[in-house]
């Protein structure tokens, strides 16, 4: 089996409406490096970049199943306002870390009522087709330490 690589990319991410959601090409940002096979980036993007070499440019659309998953309506639910004890102002769009049986989970406030606050525990990009414009900047063999740690250094 081939040695896993550390791949460094510049990317721009847009949604179906063409709105830019994220980019490494913004001044002051560095390109993104990831360790192949370590699930450092979404599967659909990593698959499209397999075996690409420096200088390659790739445009790829990633469906929700290969990105951040489908929108799960069960993860949108009302909770008592008292669950936000000590928080003076609660507004839609705010994010909080909730303690769940599966560990910490980031939730986003969707709606605020008098008695309840509706939260959404889906990833903010769940249910969306993601469009990447990528340039491979560098690709090199991963070090033993990077493989052990599961990420690029």
N, C-alpha and C. Protein backbone atom coordinates (compact mmCIF):
# COMPACT_ATOMS: atom_id res chain seq x y z
N UNK A 1 0.84 -1.18 0.00
CA UNK A 1 0.00 0.00 0.00
C UNK A 1 0.88 1.25 0.00
N UNK A 2 0.47 2.25 -0.72
CA UNK A 2 1.24 3.49 -0.83
C UNK A 2 1.25 4.24 0.49
N UNK A 3 2.32 4.95 0.70
CA UNK A 3 2.45 5.81 1.88
C UNK A 3 1.39 6.90 1.81
N UNK A 4 0.64 7.16 2.91
CA UNK A 4 -0.31 8.28 2.89
C UNK A 4 0.43 9.59 2.63
N UNK A 5 -0.28 10.50 1.99
CA UNK A 5 0.31 11.80 1.68
C UNK A 5 -0.30 12.90 2.53
N UNK A 6 0.46 13.97 2.67
CA UNK A 6 -0.07 15.22 3.18
C UNK A 6 -0.27 16.08 1.94
N UNK A 7 -1.50 16.51 1.74
CA UNK A 7 -1.84 17.31 0.57
C UNK A 7 -2.20 18.72 1.05
N UNK A 8 -1.65 19.71 0.37
CA UNK A 8 -1.92 21.11 0.70
C UNK A 8 -2.67 21.73 -0.47
N UNK A 9 -3.81 22.37 -0.15
CA UNK A 9 -4.67 22.93 -1.19
C UNK A 9 -5.07 24.37 -0.87
N UNK A 10 -5.33 25.11 -1.92
CA UNK A 10 -6.08 26.36 -1.82
C UNK A 10 -7.47 26.01 -2.34
N UNK A 11 -8.50 26.54 -1.68
CA UNK A 11 -9.86 26.20 -2.09
C UNK A 11 -10.79 27.40 -1.90
N UNK A 12 -11.86 27.37 -2.66
CA UNK A 12 -12.99 28.27 -2.46
C UNK A 12 -14.23 27.39 -2.45
N UNK A 13 -15.07 27.58 -1.44
CA UNK A 13 -16.29 26.81 -1.27
C UNK A 13 -17.49 27.72 -1.51
N UNK A 14 -18.39 27.28 -2.40
CA UNK A 14 -19.62 28.01 -2.66
C UNK A 14 -20.82 27.07 -2.51
N UNK A 15 -22.00 27.68 -2.36
CA UNK A 15 -23.23 26.89 -2.29
C UNK A 15 -23.90 26.89 -3.66
N UNK A 16 -25.09 26.30 -3.75
CA UNK A 16 -25.81 26.21 -5.03
C UNK A 16 -26.14 27.58 -5.62
N UNK A 17 -26.24 28.60 -4.76
CA UNK A 17 -26.55 29.95 -5.24
C UNK A 17 -25.30 30.70 -5.66
N UNK A 18 -24.13 30.07 -5.54
CA UNK A 18 -22.89 30.72 -5.92
C UNK A 18 -22.30 31.62 -4.85
N UNK A 19 -22.90 31.61 -3.65
CA UNK A 19 -22.39 32.43 -2.56
C UNK A 19 -21.13 31.78 -1.99
N UNK A 20 -20.10 32.57 -1.77
CA UNK A 20 -18.86 32.05 -1.20
C UNK A 20 -19.07 31.80 0.30
N UNK A 21 -18.84 30.56 0.72
CA UNK A 21 -19.01 30.18 2.12
C UNK A 21 -17.69 30.17 2.88
N UNK A 22 -16.60 29.88 2.17
CA UNK A 22 -15.28 29.80 2.80
C UNK A 22 -14.23 29.81 1.71
N UNK A 23 -13.04 30.28 2.05
CA UNK A 23 -11.95 30.27 1.09
C UNK A 23 -10.62 30.40 1.81
N UNK A 24 -9.64 29.66 1.32
CA UNK A 24 -8.27 29.81 1.84
C UNK A 24 -7.55 30.90 1.07
N UNK A 25 -8.18 31.40 0.03
CA UNK A 25 -7.53 32.39 -0.83
C UNK A 25 -7.69 33.83 -0.31
N UNK A 26 -8.27 33.97 0.86
CA UNK A 26 -8.45 35.28 1.48
C UNK A 26 -7.11 35.73 2.05
N UNK A 27 -6.81 37.01 1.91
CA UNK A 27 -5.53 37.54 2.40
C UNK A 27 -5.36 37.19 3.87
N UNK A 28 -4.17 36.72 4.20
CA UNK A 28 -3.88 36.38 5.59
C UNK A 28 -4.14 34.92 5.93
N UNK A 29 -4.78 34.18 5.02
CA UNK A 29 -5.05 32.76 5.29
C UNK A 29 -4.05 31.89 4.56
N UNK A 30 -3.74 30.79 5.17
CA UNK A 30 -2.81 29.82 4.61
C UNK A 30 -3.61 28.75 3.86
N UNK A 31 -2.99 28.05 2.92
CA UNK A 31 -3.66 26.92 2.30
C UNK A 31 -3.92 25.84 3.36
N UNK A 32 -4.84 24.96 3.08
CA UNK A 32 -5.24 23.88 3.98
C UNK A 32 -4.41 22.63 3.70
N UNK A 33 -3.85 22.03 4.74
CA UNK A 33 -3.12 20.76 4.60
C UNK A 33 -3.91 19.68 5.32
N UNK A 34 -3.98 18.50 4.71
CA UNK A 34 -4.69 17.38 5.34
C UNK A 34 -3.93 16.09 5.07
N UNK A 35 -4.14 15.12 5.94
CA UNK A 35 -3.54 13.80 5.82
C UNK A 35 -4.54 12.89 5.13
N UNK A 36 -4.15 12.36 3.98
CA UNK A 36 -5.06 11.48 3.24
C UNK A 36 -5.46 10.29 4.10
N UNK A 37 -6.74 9.95 4.02
CA UNK A 37 -7.26 8.78 4.71
C UNK A 37 -7.55 8.98 6.18
N UNK A 38 -7.28 10.15 6.73
CA UNK A 38 -7.47 10.39 8.16
C UNK A 38 -8.78 11.13 8.46
N UNK A 39 -9.62 11.30 7.45
CA UNK A 39 -10.90 11.98 7.60
C UNK A 39 -10.73 13.41 8.13
N UNK A 40 -9.66 14.09 7.67
CA UNK A 40 -9.44 15.48 8.04
C UNK A 40 -10.34 16.42 7.26
N UNK A 41 -10.80 15.99 6.07
CA UNK A 41 -11.72 16.78 5.24
C UNK A 41 -12.88 15.87 4.84
N UNK A 42 -13.94 16.46 4.31
CA UNK A 42 -15.11 15.65 3.95
C UNK A 42 -14.75 14.65 2.85
N UNK A 43 -15.38 13.49 2.93
CA UNK A 43 -15.05 12.38 2.05
C UNK A 43 -15.17 12.68 0.57
N UNK A 44 -16.22 13.39 0.18
CA UNK A 44 -16.42 13.68 -1.24
C UNK A 44 -15.31 14.53 -1.83
N UNK A 45 -14.78 15.45 -1.05
CA UNK A 45 -13.67 16.29 -1.53
C UNK A 45 -12.38 15.47 -1.57
N UNK A 46 -12.14 14.69 -0.52
CA UNK A 46 -10.92 13.90 -0.49
C UNK A 46 -10.88 12.91 -1.66
N UNK A 47 -12.00 12.26 -1.95
CA UNK A 47 -12.05 11.32 -3.07
C UNK A 47 -11.69 12.00 -4.38
N UNK A 48 -12.19 13.21 -4.59
CA UNK A 48 -11.93 13.94 -5.82
C UNK A 48 -10.46 14.35 -5.95
N UNK A 49 -9.76 14.43 -4.82
CA UNK A 49 -8.37 14.88 -4.83
C UNK A 49 -7.36 13.74 -4.81
N UNK A 50 -7.84 12.50 -4.68
CA UNK A 50 -6.92 11.35 -4.68
C UNK A 50 -6.07 11.37 -5.94
N UNK A 51 -4.79 11.17 -5.76
CA UNK A 51 -3.82 11.06 -6.84
C UNK A 51 -3.59 12.35 -7.62
N UNK A 52 -4.13 13.47 -7.13
CA UNK A 52 -3.85 14.75 -7.78
C UNK A 52 -2.46 15.21 -7.37
N UNK A 53 -1.84 16.00 -8.22
CA UNK A 53 -0.48 16.45 -7.98
C UNK A 53 -0.41 17.97 -7.97
N UNK A 54 0.67 18.54 -7.42
CA UNK A 54 0.80 20.00 -7.37
C UNK A 54 0.56 20.62 -8.75
N UNK A 55 -0.22 21.69 -8.74
CA UNK A 55 -0.57 22.39 -9.98
C UNK A 55 -1.92 21.97 -10.53
N UNK A 56 -2.41 20.79 -10.11
CA UNK A 56 -3.73 20.36 -10.59
C UNK A 56 -4.81 21.28 -10.04
N UNK A 57 -5.78 21.58 -10.89
CA UNK A 57 -6.93 22.38 -10.48
C UNK A 57 -8.16 21.51 -10.67
N UNK A 58 -9.02 21.51 -9.65
CA UNK A 58 -10.18 20.63 -9.64
C UNK A 58 -11.41 21.42 -9.21
N UNK A 59 -12.50 21.21 -9.95
CA UNK A 59 -13.80 21.74 -9.52
C UNK A 59 -14.64 20.52 -9.21
N UNK A 60 -15.19 20.47 -8.01
CA UNK A 60 -15.97 19.30 -7.60
C UNK A 60 -17.20 19.75 -6.81
N UNK A 61 -18.31 19.09 -7.10
CA UNK A 61 -19.54 19.29 -6.33
C UNK A 61 -19.72 18.07 -5.44
N UNK A 62 -19.95 18.32 -4.16
CA UNK A 62 -20.08 17.25 -3.18
C UNK A 62 -21.51 17.23 -2.66
N UNK A 63 -22.19 16.11 -2.89
CA UNK A 63 -23.56 15.95 -2.41
C UNK A 63 -23.56 15.80 -0.88
N UNK A 64 -24.68 16.09 -0.22
CA UNK A 64 -24.73 16.02 1.25
C UNK A 64 -24.23 14.70 1.83
N UNK A 65 -24.56 13.58 1.20
CA UNK A 65 -24.15 12.27 1.74
C UNK A 65 -22.64 12.13 1.83
N UNK A 66 -21.90 12.83 0.95
CA UNK A 66 -20.43 12.78 0.96
C UNK A 66 -19.83 14.03 1.60
N UNK A 67 -20.71 14.89 2.13
CA UNK A 67 -20.26 16.12 2.77
C UNK A 67 -20.59 16.10 4.25
N UNK A 68 -21.53 16.94 4.66
CA UNK A 68 -21.88 17.04 6.08
C UNK A 68 -23.19 16.34 6.40
N UNK A 69 -23.65 15.48 5.49
CA UNK A 69 -24.84 14.68 5.74
C UNK A 69 -26.12 15.39 5.36
N UNK A 70 -27.18 14.61 5.34
CA UNK A 70 -28.51 15.15 5.08
C UNK A 70 -28.99 15.90 6.32
N UNK A 71 -29.92 16.80 6.12
CA UNK A 71 -30.52 17.52 7.24
C UNK A 71 -31.38 16.54 8.02
N UNK A 72 -31.14 16.41 9.32
CA UNK A 72 -31.89 15.50 10.18
C UNK A 72 -32.85 16.33 11.03
N UNK A 73 -34.13 16.25 10.70
CA UNK A 73 -35.15 17.06 11.39
C UNK A 73 -35.22 16.73 12.88
N UNK A 74 -34.81 15.52 13.27
CA UNK A 74 -34.83 15.15 14.68
C UNK A 74 -33.82 15.94 15.50
N UNK A 75 -32.85 16.55 14.82
CA UNK A 75 -31.85 17.35 15.52
C UNK A 75 -32.28 18.81 15.68
N UNK A 76 -33.49 19.13 15.22
CA UNK A 76 -34.09 20.45 15.42
C UNK A 76 -35.19 20.26 16.45
N UNK A 77 -35.03 20.86 17.63
CA UNK A 77 -36.01 20.63 18.68
C UNK A 77 -36.09 21.80 19.65
N UNK A 78 -37.28 21.95 20.25
CA UNK A 78 -37.42 22.99 21.27
C UNK A 78 -36.86 22.50 22.61
N UNK A 79 -36.23 23.40 23.33
CA UNK A 79 -35.77 23.11 24.68
C UNK A 79 -36.28 24.24 25.58
N UNK A 80 -36.45 23.94 26.87
CA UNK A 80 -36.92 25.00 27.77
C UNK A 80 -35.92 26.15 27.83
N UNK A 81 -36.45 27.34 27.89
CA UNK A 81 -35.58 28.52 27.98
C UNK A 81 -34.67 28.43 29.20
N UNK A 82 -35.13 27.73 30.23
CA UNK A 82 -34.34 27.58 31.46
C UNK A 82 -33.03 26.83 31.21
N UNK A 83 -32.92 26.12 30.09
CA UNK A 83 -31.67 25.43 29.76
C UNK A 83 -30.55 26.43 29.46
N UNK A 84 -30.90 27.68 29.28
CA UNK A 84 -29.93 28.73 28.97
C UNK A 84 -29.72 29.64 30.19
N UNK A 85 -29.81 29.06 31.37
CA UNK A 85 -29.65 29.80 32.61
C UNK A 85 -28.32 30.56 32.60
N UNK A 86 -28.39 31.84 32.97
CA UNK A 86 -27.18 32.66 33.02
C UNK A 86 -26.89 33.39 31.72
N UNK A 87 -27.66 33.10 30.67
CA UNK A 87 -27.47 33.80 29.39
C UNK A 87 -28.56 34.87 29.28
N UNK A 88 -28.15 36.12 29.26
CA UNK A 88 -29.12 37.22 29.26
C UNK A 88 -29.83 37.37 27.93
N UNK A 89 -29.10 37.29 26.84
CA UNK A 89 -29.68 37.52 25.52
C UNK A 89 -29.49 36.26 24.67
N UNK A 90 -30.60 35.75 24.14
CA UNK A 90 -30.56 34.59 23.25
C UNK A 90 -31.18 35.03 21.93
N UNK A 91 -30.42 34.89 20.84
CA UNK A 91 -30.90 35.32 19.53
C UNK A 91 -30.65 34.22 18.50
N UNK A 92 -31.51 34.16 17.47
CA UNK A 92 -31.28 33.19 16.39
C UNK A 92 -29.89 33.38 15.79
N UNK A 93 -29.23 32.26 15.50
CA UNK A 93 -27.89 32.29 14.93
C UNK A 93 -26.80 32.06 15.96
N UNK A 94 -27.12 32.30 17.24
CA UNK A 94 -26.12 32.08 18.28
C UNK A 94 -25.81 30.59 18.38
N UNK A 95 -24.59 30.26 18.77
CA UNK A 95 -24.20 28.86 18.94
C UNK A 95 -23.79 28.62 20.39
N UNK A 96 -24.15 27.43 20.86
CA UNK A 96 -23.81 27.03 22.21
C UNK A 96 -23.29 25.60 22.18
N UNK A 97 -22.53 25.24 23.19
CA UNK A 97 -22.08 23.86 23.32
C UNK A 97 -22.97 23.19 24.36
N UNK A 98 -23.65 22.13 23.94
CA UNK A 98 -24.54 21.40 24.84
C UNK A 98 -23.87 20.10 25.24
N UNK A 99 -24.14 19.65 26.46
CA UNK A 99 -23.64 18.36 26.92
C UNK A 99 -24.70 17.31 26.59
N UNK A 100 -24.33 16.31 25.81
CA UNK A 100 -25.26 15.25 25.42
C UNK A 100 -24.70 13.91 25.89
N UNK A 101 -25.53 12.85 25.87
CA UNK A 101 -25.02 11.53 26.24
C UNK A 101 -23.82 11.10 25.39
N UNK A 102 -23.74 11.62 24.15
CA UNK A 102 -22.63 11.28 23.26
C UNK A 102 -21.45 12.22 23.39
N UNK A 103 -21.51 13.15 24.34
CA UNK A 103 -20.43 14.12 24.53
C UNK A 103 -20.87 15.51 24.12
N UNK A 104 -19.94 16.47 24.09
CA UNK A 104 -20.29 17.86 23.75
C UNK A 104 -20.80 17.96 22.31
N UNK A 105 -21.80 18.80 22.10
CA UNK A 105 -22.40 18.99 20.77
C UNK A 105 -22.67 20.48 20.58
N UNK A 106 -22.25 21.02 19.45
CA UNK A 106 -22.54 22.42 19.14
C UNK A 106 -23.96 22.50 18.59
N UNK A 107 -24.74 23.42 19.14
CA UNK A 107 -26.10 23.64 18.66
C UNK A 107 -26.25 25.10 18.28
N UNK A 108 -27.13 25.34 17.31
CA UNK A 108 -27.39 26.70 16.82
C UNK A 108 -28.82 27.08 17.17
N UNK A 109 -29.03 28.27 17.66
CA UNK A 109 -30.37 28.75 17.99
C UNK A 109 -31.08 29.11 16.69
N UNK A 110 -32.29 28.54 16.51
CA UNK A 110 -33.06 28.79 15.30
C UNK A 110 -34.19 29.78 15.58
N UNK A 111 -34.83 29.63 16.74
CA UNK A 111 -35.99 30.47 17.07
C UNK A 111 -36.05 30.64 18.58
N UNK A 112 -36.47 31.83 19.02
CA UNK A 112 -36.57 32.11 20.45
C UNK A 112 -38.00 32.48 20.77
N UNK A 113 -38.61 31.70 21.69
CA UNK A 113 -39.96 31.99 22.16
C UNK A 113 -39.93 32.40 23.61
N UNK A 114 -41.10 32.68 24.18
CA UNK A 114 -41.17 33.09 25.58
C UNK A 114 -40.75 31.97 26.52
N UNK A 115 -41.18 30.74 26.22
CA UNK A 115 -40.92 29.60 27.11
C UNK A 115 -39.87 28.64 26.56
N UNK A 116 -39.70 28.62 25.22
CA UNK A 116 -38.79 27.64 24.62
C UNK A 116 -37.83 28.31 23.63
N UNK A 117 -36.73 27.62 23.40
CA UNK A 117 -35.75 28.02 22.41
C UNK A 117 -35.59 26.83 21.48
N UNK A 118 -35.78 27.04 20.17
CA UNK A 118 -35.60 25.95 19.20
C UNK A 118 -34.14 25.93 18.78
N UNK A 119 -33.53 24.75 18.94
CA UNK A 119 -32.12 24.59 18.59
C UNK A 119 -31.97 23.60 17.44
N UNK A 120 -30.86 23.70 16.74
CA UNK A 120 -30.55 22.81 15.62
C UNK A 120 -29.14 22.28 15.84
N UNK A 121 -29.03 20.94 15.97
CA UNK A 121 -27.72 20.32 16.19
C UNK A 121 -27.11 19.79 14.90
N UNK A 122 -27.76 20.03 13.75
CA UNK A 122 -27.16 19.66 12.47
C UNK A 122 -25.95 20.55 12.21
N UNK A 123 -24.98 20.02 11.45
CA UNK A 123 -23.88 20.87 10.99
C UNK A 123 -24.49 21.98 10.15
N UNK A 124 -23.98 23.20 10.23
CA UNK A 124 -24.57 24.31 9.45
C UNK A 124 -24.62 24.04 7.94
N UNK A 125 -23.75 23.15 7.42
CA UNK A 125 -23.75 22.86 5.98
C UNK A 125 -24.46 21.54 5.65
N UNK A 126 -25.10 20.93 6.63
CA UNK A 126 -25.84 19.69 6.38
C UNK A 126 -26.96 19.95 5.37
N UNK A 127 -27.17 18.99 4.49
CA UNK A 127 -28.24 19.09 3.50
C UNK A 127 -27.89 19.92 2.28
N UNK A 128 -26.70 20.48 2.24
CA UNK A 128 -26.31 21.34 1.12
C UNK A 128 -25.32 20.64 0.20
N UNK A 129 -25.48 20.88 -1.10
CA UNK A 129 -24.47 20.47 -2.06
C UNK A 129 -23.38 21.53 -2.02
N UNK A 130 -22.14 21.09 -1.86
CA UNK A 130 -21.01 22.00 -1.71
C UNK A 130 -20.17 22.00 -2.97
N UNK A 131 -19.80 23.18 -3.43
CA UNK A 131 -19.04 23.33 -4.67
C UNK A 131 -17.65 23.87 -4.33
N UNK A 132 -16.64 23.07 -4.65
CA UNK A 132 -15.25 23.43 -4.35
C UNK A 132 -14.50 23.73 -5.63
N UNK A 133 -13.71 24.79 -5.58
CA UNK A 133 -12.75 25.13 -6.63
C UNK A 133 -11.38 25.01 -5.94
N UNK A 134 -10.61 23.99 -6.33
CA UNK A 134 -9.40 23.63 -5.58
C UNK A 134 -8.17 23.67 -6.48
N UNK A 135 -7.07 24.13 -5.90
CA UNK A 135 -5.75 24.03 -6.53
C UNK A 135 -4.84 23.26 -5.58
N UNK A 136 -4.24 22.19 -6.08
CA UNK A 136 -3.30 21.42 -5.26
C UNK A 136 -1.98 22.18 -5.27
N UNK A 137 -1.53 22.58 -4.08
CA UNK A 137 -0.31 23.37 -3.92
C UNK A 137 0.89 22.46 -3.70
N UNK A 138 0.70 21.42 -2.87
CA UNK A 138 1.81 20.54 -2.53
C UNK A 138 1.25 19.16 -2.18
N UNK A 139 2.02 18.13 -2.42
CA UNK A 139 1.69 16.77 -2.00
C UNK A 139 3.01 16.08 -1.67
N UNK A 140 3.07 15.52 -0.47
CA UNK A 140 4.30 14.86 -0.02
C UNK A 140 3.93 13.66 0.83
N UNK A 141 4.88 12.75 1.00
CA UNK A 141 4.66 11.62 1.88
C UNK A 141 4.49 12.12 3.31
N UNK A 142 3.55 11.52 4.02
CA UNK A 142 3.34 11.86 5.43
C UNK A 142 4.47 11.26 6.26
N UNK A 143 4.83 11.96 7.31
CA UNK A 143 5.83 11.43 8.24
C UNK A 143 5.18 10.38 9.13
N UNK A 144 6.00 9.58 9.78
CA UNK A 144 5.48 8.58 10.73
C UNK A 144 4.68 9.27 11.84
N UNK A 145 5.20 10.41 12.30
CA UNK A 145 4.53 11.14 13.37
C UNK A 145 3.14 11.64 12.91
N UNK A 146 3.05 12.15 11.70
CA UNK A 146 1.76 12.63 11.19
C UNK A 146 0.77 11.46 11.10
N UNK A 147 1.25 10.31 10.62
CA UNK A 147 0.37 9.15 10.54
C UNK A 147 -0.09 8.71 11.93
N UNK A 148 0.81 8.75 12.89
CA UNK A 148 0.48 8.38 14.26
C UNK A 148 -0.55 9.32 14.87
N UNK A 149 -0.38 10.62 14.61
CA UNK A 149 -1.28 11.63 15.18
C UNK A 149 -2.58 11.79 14.39
N UNK A 150 -2.59 11.33 13.14
CA UNK A 150 -3.80 11.39 12.33
C UNK A 150 -4.08 12.74 11.70
N UNK A 151 -3.06 13.59 11.59
CA UNK A 151 -3.24 14.89 10.92
C UNK A 151 -1.88 15.42 10.47
N UNK A 152 -1.94 16.40 9.55
CA UNK A 152 -0.73 17.02 9.03
C UNK A 152 -0.12 17.94 10.08
N UNK A 153 1.20 18.04 10.06
CA UNK A 153 1.90 18.97 10.96
C UNK A 153 2.48 20.12 10.18
